[in-house]
All heavy atoms as atom14 arrays in JSON, in Angstrom:
{
  "sequence": "EEIADPFPRLTVGSHPRLRTSADSWLYVATEVRATSGQSFVYMNRYRD",
  "atom14_mask": [
    [1, 1, 1, 1, 1, 1, 1, 1, 1, 0, 0, 0, 0, 0],
    [1, 1, 1, 1, 1, 1, 1, 1, 1, 0, 0, 0, 0, 0],
    [1, 1, 1, 1, 1, 1, 1, 1, 0, 0, 0, 0, 0, 0],
    [1, 1, 1, 1, 1, 0, 0, 0, 0, 0, 0, 0, 0, 0],
    [1, 1, 1, 1, 1, 1, 1, 1, 0, 0, 0, 0, 0, 0],
    [1, 1, 1, 1, 1, 1, 1, 0, 0, 0, 0, 0, 0, 0],
    [1, 1, 1, 1, 1, 1, 1, 1, 1, 1, 1, 0, 0, 0],
    [1, 1, 1, 1, 1, 1, 1, 0, 0, 0, 0, 0, 0, 0],
    [1, 1, 1, 1, 1, 1, 1, 1, 1, 1, 1, 0, 0, 0],
    [1, 1, 1, 1, 1, 1, 1, 1, 0, 0, 0, 0, 0, 0],
    [1, 1, 1, 1, 1, 1, 1, 0, 0, 0, 0, 0, 0, 0],
    [1, 1, 1, 1, 1, 1, 1, 0, 0, 0, 0, 0, 0, 0],
    [1, 1, 1, 1, 0, 0, 0, 0, 0, 0, 0, 0, 0, 0],
    [1, 1, 1, 1, 1, 1, 0, 0, 0, 0, 0, 0, 0, 0],
    [1, 1, 1, 1, 1, 1, 1, 1, 1, 1, 0, 0, 0, 0],
    [1, 1, 1, 1, 1, 1, 1, 0, 0, 0, 0, 0, 0, 0],
    [1, 1, 1, 1, 1, 1, 1, 1, 1, 1, 1, 0, 0, 0],
    [1, 1, 1, 1, 1, 1, 1, 1, 0, 0, 0, 0, 0, 0],
    [1, 1, 1, 1, 1, 1, 1, 1, 1, 1, 1, 0, 0, 0],
    [1, 1, 1, 1, 1, 1, 1, 0, 0, 0, 0, 0, 0, 0],
    [1, 1, 1, 1, 1, 1, 0, 0, 0, 0, 0, 0, 0, 0],
    [1, 1, 1, 1, 1, 0, 0, 0, 0, 0, 0, 0, 0, 0],
    [1, 1, 1, 1, 1, 1, 1, 1, 0, 0, 0, 0, 0, 0],
    [1, 1, 1, 1, 1, 1, 0, 0, 0, 0, 0, 0, 0, 0],
    [1, 1, 1, 1, 1, 1, 1, 1, 1, 1, 1, 1, 1, 1],
    [1, 1, 1, 1, 1, 1, 1, 1, 0, 0, 0, 0, 0, 0],
    [1, 1, 1, 1, 1, 1, 1, 1, 1, 1, 1, 1, 0, 0],
    [1, 1, 1, 1, 1, 1, 1, 0, 0, 0, 0, 0, 0, 0],
    [1, 1, 1, 1, 1, 0, 0, 0, 0, 0, 0, 0, 0, 0],
    [1, 1, 1, 1, 1, 1, 1, 0, 0, 0, 0, 0, 0, 0],
    [1, 1, 1, 1, 1, 1, 1, 1, 1, 0, 0, 0, 0, 0],
    [1, 1, 1, 1, 1, 1, 1, 0, 0, 0, 0, 0, 0, 0],
    [1, 1, 1, 1, 1, 1, 1, 1, 1, 1, 1, 0, 0, 0],
    [1, 1, 1, 1, 1, 0, 0, 0, 0, 0, 0, 0, 0, 0],
    [1, 1, 1, 1, 1, 1, 1, 0, 0, 0, 0, 0, 0, 0],
    [1, 1, 1, 1, 1, 1, 0, 0, 0, 0, 0, 0, 0, 0],
    [1, 1, 1, 1, 0, 0, 0, 0, 0, 0, 0, 0, 0, 0],
    [1, 1, 1, 1, 1, 1, 1, 1, 1, 0, 0, 0, 0, 0],
    [1, 1, 1, 1, 1, 1, 0, 0, 0, 0, 0, 0, 0, 0],
    [1, 1, 1, 1, 1, 1, 1, 1, 1, 1, 1, 0, 0, 0],
    [1, 1, 1, 1, 1, 1, 1, 0, 0, 0, 0, 0, 0, 0],
    [1, 1, 1, 1, 1, 1, 1, 1, 1, 1, 1, 1, 0, 0],
    [1, 1, 1, 1, 1, 1, 1, 1, 0, 0, 0, 0, 0, 0],
    [1, 1, 1, 1, 1, 1, 1, 1, 0, 0, 0, 0, 0, 0],
    [1, 1, 1, 1, 1, 1, 1, 1, 1, 1, 1, 0, 0, 0],
    [1, 1, 1, 1, 1, 1, 1, 1, 1, 1, 1, 1, 0, 0],
    [1, 1, 1, 1, 1, 1, 1, 1, 1, 1, 1, 0, 0, 0],
    [1, 1, 1, 1, 1, 1, 1, 1, 0, 0, 0, 0, 0, 0]
  ],
  "atom14_positions": [
    [[23.54, -63.7, -9.21], [24.08, -64.03, -10.53], [23.36, -65.22, -11.12], [23.11, -66.17, -10.38], [25.63, -64.27, -10.45], [26.47, -63.2, -9.93], [27.93, -63.5, -9.77], [28.22, -64.69, -9.77], [28.69, -62.57, -9.74], [0.0, 0.0, 0.0], [0.0, 0.0, 0.0], [0.0, 0.0, 0.0], [0.0, 0.0, 0.0], [0.0, 0.0, 0.0]],
    [[23.1, -65.18, -12.37], [22.42, -66.3, -12.98], [23.36, -67.49, -13.17], [24.45, -67.31, -13.56], [21.9, -65.87, -14.43], [20.89, -66.9, -15.04], [20.25, -66.44, -16.28], [20.44, -65.33, -16.75], [19.52, -67.31, -16.94], [0.0, 0.0, 0.0], [0.0, 0.0, 0.0], [0.0, 0.0, 0.0], [0.0, 0.0, 0.0], [0.0, 0.0, 0.0]],
    [[22.83, -68.66, -12.86], [23.57, -69.85, -12.97], [22.92, -70.7, -14.11], [22.1, -70.24, -14.82], [23.59, -70.67, -11.68], [22.06, -71.16, -11.31], [24.18, -69.91, -10.5], [21.99, -72.04, -10.01], [0.0, 0.0, 0.0], [0.0, 0.0, 0.0], [0.0, 0.0, 0.0], [0.0, 0.0, 0.0], [0.0, 0.0, 0.0], [0.0, 0.0, 0.0]],
    [[23.52, -71.86, -14.45], [23.19, -72.62, -15.54], [21.82, -73.12, -15.53], [21.06, -73.16, -14.47], [24.14, -73.84, -15.72], [0.0, 0.0, 0.0], [0.0, 0.0, 0.0], [0.0, 0.0, 0.0], [0.0, 0.0, 0.0], [0.0, 0.0, 0.0], [0.0, 0.0, 0.0], [0.0, 0.0, 0.0], [0.0, 0.0, 0.0], [0.0, 0.0, 0.0]],
    [[21.25, -73.51, -16.68], [19.9, -74.0, -16.9], [19.74, -75.35, -16.25], [20.54, -76.31, -16.58], [19.63, -74.06, -18.41], [18.22, -74.48, -18.8], [17.51, -74.96, -17.93], [17.85, -74.35, -20.04], [0.0, 0.0, 0.0], [0.0, 0.0, 0.0], [0.0, 0.0, 0.0], [0.0, 0.0, 0.0], [0.0, 0.0, 0.0], [0.0, 0.0, 0.0]],
    [[18.81, -75.52, -15.36], [18.57, -76.85, -14.68], [17.91, -77.84, -15.63], [17.98, -79.06, -15.24], [17.75, -76.54, -13.46], [16.96, -75.28, -13.92], [17.87, -74.54, -14.81], [0.0, 0.0, 0.0], [0.0, 0.0, 0.0], [0.0, 0.0, 0.0], [0.0, 0.0, 0.0], [0.0, 0.0, 0.0], [0.0, 0.0, 0.0], [0.0, 0.0, 0.0]],
    [[17.26, -77.41, -16.66], [16.52, -78.38, -17.52], [16.83, -78.17, -18.97], [15.99, -77.88, -19.79], [15.02, -78.28, -17.27], [14.58, -78.41, -15.89], [14.2, -77.36, -15.09], [14.54, -79.7, -15.34], [13.87, -77.55, -13.7], [14.15, -79.96, -14.03], [13.8, -78.8, -13.21], [0.0, 0.0, 0.0], [0.0, 0.0, 0.0], [0.0, 0.0, 0.0]],
    [[18.15, -78.3, -19.37], [18.54, -78.09, -20.76], [17.84, -79.12, -21.69], [17.65, -80.26, -21.24], [20.02, -78.28, -20.76], [20.3, -79.11, -19.58], [19.32, -78.77, -18.58], [0.0, 0.0, 0.0], [0.0, 0.0, 0.0], [0.0, 0.0, 0.0], [0.0, 0.0, 0.0], [0.0, 0.0, 0.0], [0.0, 0.0, 0.0], [0.0, 0.0, 0.0]],
    [[17.44, -78.64, -22.86], [16.87, -79.53, -23.9], [15.52, -80.14, -23.51], [14.99, -80.98, -24.2], [17.83, -80.69, -24.27], [19.2, -80.19, -24.91], [20.11, -81.33, -25.19], [20.48, -82.04, -23.9], [21.42, -81.65, -23.19], [22.09, -80.54, -23.42], [21.73, -82.32, -22.09], [0.0, 0.0, 0.0], [0.0, 0.0, 0.0], [0.0, 0.0, 0.0]],
    [[14.93, -79.59, -22.42], [13.54, -80.01, -22.11], [12.64, -78.88, -22.33], [13.0, -77.67, -22.2], [13.53, -80.48, -20.64], [14.22, -81.73, -20.35], [14.2, -82.08, -18.83], [13.72, -82.98, -21.1], [0.0, 0.0, 0.0], [0.0, 0.0, 0.0], [0.0, 0.0, 0.0], [0.0, 0.0, 0.0], [0.0, 0.0, 0.0], [0.0, 0.0, 0.0]],
    [[11.33, -79.08, -22.63], [10.41, -78.08, -22.83], [9.59, -77.84, -21.57], [8.82, -78.66, -21.1], [9.37, -78.47, -23.94], [10.11, -78.77, -25.14], [8.33, -77.32, -24.25], [0.0, 0.0, 0.0], [0.0, 0.0, 0.0], [0.0, 0.0, 0.0], [0.0, 0.0, 0.0], [0.0, 0.0, 0.0], [0.0, 0.0, 0.0], [0.0, 0.0, 0.0]],
    [[9.91, -76.68, -20.92], [9.34, -76.33, -19.72], [7.97, -75.65, -19.91], [7.75, -74.91, -20.84], [10.31, -75.34, -18.94], [9.67, -74.79, -17.66], [11.63, -76.09, -18.62], [0.0, 0.0, 0.0], [0.0, 0.0, 0.0], [0.0, 0.0, 0.0], [0.0, 0.0, 0.0], [0.0, 0.0, 0.0], [0.0, 0.0, 0.0], [0.0, 0.0, 0.0]],
    [[7.01, -75.98, -18.93], [5.73, -75.38, -19.12], [4.99, -74.87, -17.86], [3.85, -74.73, -17.85], [0.0, 0.0, 0.0], [0.0, 0.0, 0.0], [0.0, 0.0, 0.0], [0.0, 0.0, 0.0], [0.0, 0.0, 0.0], [0.0, 0.0, 0.0], [0.0, 0.0, 0.0], [0.0, 0.0, 0.0], [0.0, 0.0, 0.0], [0.0, 0.0, 0.0]],
    [[5.81, -74.53, -16.79], [5.14, -74.01, -15.61], [6.11, -73.22, -14.84], [7.34, -73.22, -15.03], [4.61, -75.11, -14.75], [5.48, -75.7, -14.01], [0.0, 0.0, 0.0], [0.0, 0.0, 0.0], [0.0, 0.0, 0.0], [0.0, 0.0, 0.0], [0.0, 0.0, 0.0], [0.0, 0.0, 0.0], [0.0, 0.0, 0.0], [0.0, 0.0, 0.0]],
    [[5.62, -72.52, -13.83], [6.39, -71.85, -12.81], [7.34, -72.86, -12.12], [6.95, -74.13, -12.0], [5.5, -71.25, -11.66], [4.53, -70.22, -12.15], [3.7, -69.61, -11.27], [4.26, -69.72, -13.35], [2.87, -68.81, -11.91], [3.19, -68.81, -13.24], [0.0, 0.0, 0.0], [0.0, 0.0, 0.0], [0.0, 0.0, 0.0], [0.0, 0.0, 0.0]],
    [[8.49, -72.4, -11.65], [9.33, -73.33, -10.82], [8.94, -73.28, -9.38], [8.34, -72.34, -8.84], [10.71, -72.71, -11.04], [10.44, -71.2, -11.12], [9.1, -71.08, -11.85], [0.0, 0.0, 0.0], [0.0, 0.0, 0.0], [0.0, 0.0, 0.0], [0.0, 0.0, 0.0], [0.0, 0.0, 0.0], [0.0, 0.0, 0.0], [0.0, 0.0, 0.0]],
    [[9.37, -74.31, -8.6], [9.36, -74.35, -7.1], [10.72, -74.66, -6.64], [11.35, -75.61, -7.16], [8.28, -75.2, -6.63], [6.86, -74.77, -6.8], [5.89, -75.63, -5.99], [4.53, -75.22, -6.19], [3.81, -74.37, -5.49], [4.41, -73.6, -4.6], [2.54, -74.22, -5.75], [0.0, 0.0, 0.0], [0.0, 0.0, 0.0], [0.0, 0.0, 0.0]],
    [[11.25, -74.0, -5.65], [12.5, -74.22, -5.07], [12.38, -74.73, -3.62], [11.55, -74.29, -2.85], [13.37, -73.0, -5.02], [13.77, -72.28, -6.36], [14.62, -71.09, -6.15], [14.45, -73.29, -7.3], [0.0, 0.0, 0.0], [0.0, 0.0, 0.0], [0.0, 0.0, 0.0], [0.0, 0.0, 0.0], [0.0, 0.0, 0.0], [0.0, 0.0, 0.0]],
    [[13.31, -75.6, -3.24], [13.49, -76.05, -1.79], [14.98, -76.3, -1.57], [15.69, -76.66, -2.57], [12.68, -77.31, -1.46], [11.16, -77.12, -1.54], [10.58, -76.24, -0.39], [9.18, -76.27, -0.42], [8.41, -75.4, -1.05], [8.95, -74.47, -1.8], [7.17, -75.43, -0.87], [0.0, 0.0, 0.0], [0.0, 0.0, 0.0], [0.0, 0.0, 0.0]],
    [[15.44, -76.2, -0.36], [16.78, -76.54, -0.03], [16.77, -77.62, 1.03], [15.89, -77.68, 1.87], [17.65, -75.42, 0.43], [16.99, -74.73, 1.5], [17.83, -74.39, -0.71], [0.0, 0.0, 0.0], [0.0, 0.0, 0.0], [0.0, 0.0, 0.0], [0.0, 0.0, 0.0], [0.0, 0.0, 0.0], [0.0, 0.0, 0.0], [0.0, 0.0, 0.0]],
    [[17.88, -78.49, 1.1], [17.89, -79.52, 2.08], [18.81, -79.13, 3.16], [19.57, -78.1, 3.1], [18.43, -80.83, 1.42], [19.72, -80.63, 0.93], [0.0, 0.0, 0.0], [0.0, 0.0, 0.0], [0.0, 0.0, 0.0], [0.0, 0.0, 0.0], [0.0, 0.0, 0.0], [0.0, 0.0, 0.0], [0.0, 0.0, 0.0], [0.0, 0.0, 0.0]],
    [[18.88, -79.89, 4.21], [19.74, -79.61, 5.4], [21.21, -79.71, 5.07], [22.04, -79.1, 5.73], [19.42, -80.61, 6.49], [0.0, 0.0, 0.0], [0.0, 0.0, 0.0], [0.0, 0.0, 0.0], [0.0, 0.0, 0.0], [0.0, 0.0, 0.0], [0.0, 0.0, 0.0], [0.0, 0.0, 0.0], [0.0, 0.0, 0.0], [0.0, 0.0, 0.0]],
    [[21.64, -80.44, 4.02], [23.0, -80.48, 3.51], [23.22, -79.59, 2.33], [24.14, -79.83, 1.56], [23.4, -81.85, 3.22], [22.49, -82.58, 2.25], [21.45, -82.09, 1.84], [22.75, -83.79, 1.87], [0.0, 0.0, 0.0], [0.0, 0.0, 0.0], [0.0, 0.0, 0.0], [0.0, 0.0, 0.0], [0.0, 0.0, 0.0], [0.0, 0.0, 0.0]],
    [[22.42, -78.54, 2.2], [22.62, -77.41, 1.29], [22.45, -77.77, -0.22], [23.0, -77.05, -1.09], [24.01, -76.73, 1.52], [23.94, -76.07, 2.75], [0.0, 0.0, 0.0], [0.0, 0.0, 0.0], [0.0, 0.0, 0.0], [0.0, 0.0, 0.0], [0.0, 0.0, 0.0], [0.0, 0.0, 0.0], [0.0, 0.0, 0.0], [0.0, 0.0, 0.0]],
    [[21.74, -78.81, -0.54], [21.39, -78.99, -1.92], [20.16, -78.14, -2.31], [19.27, -77.95, -1.45], [20.97, -80.49, -2.17], [22.08, -81.41, -2.27], [22.61, -82.13, -1.24], [22.92, -81.72, -3.39], [23.67, -82.93, -1.7], [23.9, -82.67, -3.02], [22.89, -81.23, -4.68], [24.82, -83.23, -3.95], [23.82, -81.79, -5.66], [24.77, -82.72, -5.19]],
    [[20.23, -77.49, -3.46], [19.06, -76.77, -3.98], [18.29, -77.73, -4.84], [18.86, -78.35, -5.77], [19.58, -75.61, -4.8], [18.42, -74.87, -5.54], [17.46, -74.11, -4.64], [19.04, -73.89, -6.67], [0.0, 0.0, 0.0], [0.0, 0.0, 0.0], [0.0, 0.0, 0.0], [0.0, 0.0, 0.0], [0.0, 0.0, 0.0], [0.0, 0.0, 0.0]],
    [[17.05, -77.8, -4.69], [16.14, -78.55, -5.58], [15.16, -77.66, -6.31], [14.63, -76.69, -5.71], [15.36, -79.53, -4.73], [15.96, -80.68, -4.06], [16.86, -80.4, -2.95], [15.9, -81.97, -4.51], [17.56, -81.46, -2.37], [16.63, -83.01, -3.85], [17.41, -82.75, -2.83], [18.11, -83.78, -2.21], [0.0, 0.0, 0.0], [0.0, 0.0, 0.0]],
    [[15.04, -77.82, -7.61], [14.12, -77.14, -8.39], [13.19, -78.06, -9.13], [13.64, -79.05, -9.65], [14.82, -76.14, -9.3], [15.69, -76.9, -10.34], [13.82, -75.27, -10.22], [0.0, 0.0, 0.0], [0.0, 0.0, 0.0], [0.0, 0.0, 0.0], [0.0, 0.0, 0.0], [0.0, 0.0, 0.0], [0.0, 0.0, 0.0], [0.0, 0.0, 0.0]],
    [[11.86, -77.75, -9.19], [10.99, -78.59, -9.83], [10.03, -77.66, -10.8], [9.97, -76.46, -10.55], [9.99, -79.23, -8.86], [0.0, 0.0, 0.0], [0.0, 0.0, 0.0], [0.0, 0.0, 0.0], [0.0, 0.0, 0.0], [0.0, 0.0, 0.0], [0.0, 0.0, 0.0], [0.0, 0.0, 0.0], [0.0, 0.0, 0.0], [0.0, 0.0, 0.0]],
    [[9.68, -78.28, -11.9], [8.82, -77.62, -12.87], [8.05, -78.71, -13.66], [8.35, -79.91, -13.5], [9.53, -76.68, -13.78], [8.65, -75.89, -14.56], [10.46, -77.47, -14.78], [0.0, 0.0, 0.0], [0.0, 0.0, 0.0], [0.0, 0.0, 0.0], [0.0, 0.0, 0.0], [0.0, 0.0, 0.0], [0.0, 0.0, 0.0], [0.0, 0.0, 0.0]],
    [[7.03, -78.26, -14.46], [6.43, -79.14, -15.36], [7.2, -79.19, -16.7], [7.58, -78.08, -17.16], [4.94, -78.69, -15.58], [4.08, -78.91, -14.35], [2.62, -78.44, -14.7], [2.31, -78.13, -15.88], [1.88, -78.28, -13.77], [0.0, 0.0, 0.0], [0.0, 0.0, 0.0], [0.0, 0.0, 0.0], [0.0, 0.0, 0.0], [0.0, 0.0, 0.0]],
    [[7.34, -80.35, -17.24], [8.04, -80.54, -18.55], [7.01, -81.18, -19.46], [6.35, -82.1, -19.11], [9.25, -81.34, -18.39], [9.71, -81.81, -19.73], [10.34, -80.63, -17.65], [0.0, 0.0, 0.0], [0.0, 0.0, 0.0], [0.0, 0.0, 0.0], [0.0, 0.0, 0.0], [0.0, 0.0, 0.0], [0.0, 0.0, 0.0], [0.0, 0.0, 0.0]],
    [[6.91, -80.64, -20.74], [5.97, -81.18, -21.66], [6.77, -82.19, -22.53], [7.73, -81.9, -23.21], [5.46, -80.02, -22.52], [4.56, -79.08, -21.84], [4.26, -77.81, -22.57], [3.43, -76.91, -21.75], [3.25, -75.65, -22.12], [3.82, -75.14, -23.21], [2.53, -74.82, -21.35], [0.0, 0.0, 0.0], [0.0, 0.0, 0.0], [0.0, 0.0, 0.0]],
    [[6.2, -83.4, -22.65], [6.8, -84.42, -23.46], [6.29, -84.32, -24.87], [5.33, -83.69, -25.18], [6.36, -85.85, -22.86], [0.0, 0.0, 0.0], [0.0, 0.0, 0.0], [0.0, 0.0, 0.0], [0.0, 0.0, 0.0], [0.0, 0.0, 0.0], [0.0, 0.0, 0.0], [0.0, 0.0, 0.0], [0.0, 0.0, 0.0], [0.0, 0.0, 0.0]],
    [[6.95, -85.03, -25.76], [6.54, -85.07, -27.16], [5.12, -85.59, -27.41], [4.52, -85.34, -28.35], [7.58, -85.79, -28.04], [7.65, -87.13, -27.44], [8.97, -85.07, -27.98], [0.0, 0.0, 0.0], [0.0, 0.0, 0.0], [0.0, 0.0, 0.0], [0.0, 0.0, 0.0], [0.0, 0.0, 0.0], [0.0, 0.0, 0.0], [0.0, 0.0, 0.0]],
    [[4.67, -86.47, -26.42], [3.4, -86.98, -26.51], [2.29, -86.03, -26.23], [1.1, -86.33, -26.44], [3.26, -88.16, -25.45], [3.39, -87.62, -24.18], [0.0, 0.0, 0.0], [0.0, 0.0, 0.0], [0.0, 0.0, 0.0], [0.0, 0.0, 0.0], [0.0, 0.0, 0.0], [0.0, 0.0, 0.0], [0.0, 0.0, 0.0], [0.0, 0.0, 0.0]],
    [[2.68, -84.78, -25.76], [1.73, -83.88, -25.33], [1.32, -83.83, -23.91], [0.72, -82.97, -23.39], [0.0, 0.0, 0.0], [0.0, 0.0, 0.0], [0.0, 0.0, 0.0], [0.0, 0.0, 0.0], [0.0, 0.0, 0.0], [0.0, 0.0, 0.0], [0.0, 0.0, 0.0], [0.0, 0.0, 0.0], [0.0, 0.0, 0.0], [0.0, 0.0, 0.0]],
    [[1.83, -84.92, -23.16], [1.56, -84.96, -21.76], [2.58, -84.15, -20.95], [3.65, -83.86, -21.51], [1.59, -86.35, -21.23], [0.44, -87.29, -21.76], [0.55, -88.71, -21.23], [1.52, -89.36, -21.32], [-0.49, -89.15, -20.55], [0.0, 0.0, 0.0], [0.0, 0.0, 0.0], [0.0, 0.0, 0.0], [0.0, 0.0, 0.0], [0.0, 0.0, 0.0]],
    [[2.27, -83.73, -19.75], [3.18, -83.05, -18.95], [3.45, -83.88, -17.74], [2.71, -84.61, -17.17], [2.51, -81.67, -18.48], [2.36, -80.86, -19.6], [0.0, 0.0, 0.0], [0.0, 0.0, 0.0], [0.0, 0.0, 0.0], [0.0, 0.0, 0.0], [0.0, 0.0, 0.0], [0.0, 0.0, 0.0], [0.0, 0.0, 0.0], [0.0, 0.0, 0.0]],
    [[4.71, -83.66, -17.26], [5.25, -84.4, -16.0], [5.97, -83.43, -15.19], [6.63, -82.47, -15.62], [6.13, -85.6, -16.4], [5.49, -86.64, -17.37], [5.47, -86.39, -18.81], [4.9, -87.7, -16.84], [4.85, -87.28, -19.54], [4.24, -88.62, -17.61], [4.21, -88.45, -18.98], [0.0, 0.0, 0.0], [0.0, 0.0, 0.0], [0.0, 0.0, 0.0]],
    [[6.06, -83.71, -13.87], [6.91, -82.88, -12.97], [8.33, -83.47, -13.09], [8.53, -84.64, -12.93], [6.41, -82.93, -11.53], [7.38, -82.1, -10.63], [4.97, -82.36, -11.41], [0.0, 0.0, 0.0], [0.0, 0.0, 0.0], [0.0, 0.0, 0.0], [0.0, 0.0, 0.0], [0.0, 0.0, 0.0], [0.0, 0.0, 0.0], [0.0, 0.0, 0.0]],
    [[9.24, -82.53, -13.36], [10.64, -82.95, -13.4], [11.39, -82.14, -12.28], [10.96, -81.06, -11.88], [11.33, -82.56, -14.72], [11.25, -83.64, -15.72], [10.1, -84.07, -16.29], [12.48, -84.28, -16.21], [10.06, -85.08, -17.2], [12.43, -85.28, -17.14], [11.24, -85.7, -17.66], [11.19, -86.71, -18.6], [0.0, 0.0, 0.0], [0.0, 0.0, 0.0]],
    [[12.44, -82.73, -11.75], [13.22, -82.12, -10.71], [14.76, -82.27, -10.95], [15.11, -83.26, -11.57], [12.89, -82.77, -9.36], [13.29, -82.0, -8.17], [12.64, -82.78, -6.58], [10.87, -82.63, -6.85], [0.0, 0.0, 0.0], [0.0, 0.0, 0.0], [0.0, 0.0, 0.0], [0.0, 0.0, 0.0], [0.0, 0.0, 0.0], [0.0, 0.0, 0.0]],
    [[15.52, -81.25, -10.44], [16.95, -81.37, -10.59], [17.51, -80.74, -9.23], [16.78, -80.07, -8.54], [17.52, -80.57, -11.83], [18.85, -81.1, -12.24], [19.54, -81.78, -11.47], [19.37, -80.67, -13.35], [0.0, 0.0, 0.0], [0.0, 0.0, 0.0], [0.0, 0.0, 0.0], [0.0, 0.0, 0.0], [0.0, 0.0, 0.0], [0.0, 0.0, 0.0]],
    [[18.79, -81.02, -8.94], [19.41, -80.49, -7.71], [20.76, -79.9, -8.01], [21.46, -80.39, -9.0], [19.39, -81.54, -6.61], [20.23, -82.79, -6.97], [19.95, -83.94, -5.94], [20.98, -84.96, -6.16], [21.78, -85.35, -5.22], [21.78, -84.76, -4.02], [22.59, -86.3, -5.33], [0.0, 0.0, 0.0], [0.0, 0.0, 0.0], [0.0, 0.0, 0.0]],
    [[21.21, -79.03, -7.17], [22.35, -78.17, -7.4], [23.1, -77.99, -6.16], [22.61, -77.69, -5.12], [21.96, -76.8, -8.02], [23.03, -75.83, -8.25], [23.69, -75.68, -9.42], [23.38, -75.01, -7.19], [24.65, -74.64, -9.64], [24.36, -73.93, -7.4], [24.99, -73.88, -8.56], [25.99, -72.91, -8.75], [0.0, 0.0, 0.0], [0.0, 0.0, 0.0]],
    [[24.42, -78.16, -6.28], [25.39, -77.87, -5.18], [26.8, -77.83, -5.81], [27.1, -78.44, -6.79], [25.33, -78.94, -4.11], [25.95, -78.45, -2.76], [25.77, -79.43, -1.62], [26.62, -80.59, -1.83], [26.67, -81.63, -0.9], [25.97, -81.52, 0.24], [27.49, -82.62, -1.1], [0.0, 0.0, 0.0], [0.0, 0.0, 0.0], [0.0, 0.0, 0.0]],
    [[27.65, -76.94, -5.15], [29.08, -76.82, -5.57], [29.14, -76.48, -7.01], [30.08, -76.92, -7.69], [29.82, -78.19, -5.25], [29.75, -78.55, -3.81], [29.76, -77.66, -2.92], [29.79, -79.71, -3.52], [0.0, 0.0, 0.0], [0.0, 0.0, 0.0], [0.0, 0.0, 0.0], [0.0, 0.0, 0.0], [0.0, 0.0, 0.0], [0.0, 0.0, 0.0]]
  ]
}
C-alpha cells in the first residue's frame, strides 16, 4: 500500500535509495533541487 510522501514541498530530482536500521526505521534518500539550481542529497525516516 502506498504511504505518505517523504519529501513534501521539495523538488525531487533522482531515483530513491532505501535502507532499514536494526530498530526498524526506514530511511529514504534522494536528490533535491534547490531554488539556486544546485542539488543536494536529502533524507527522511519512517516508523510507526
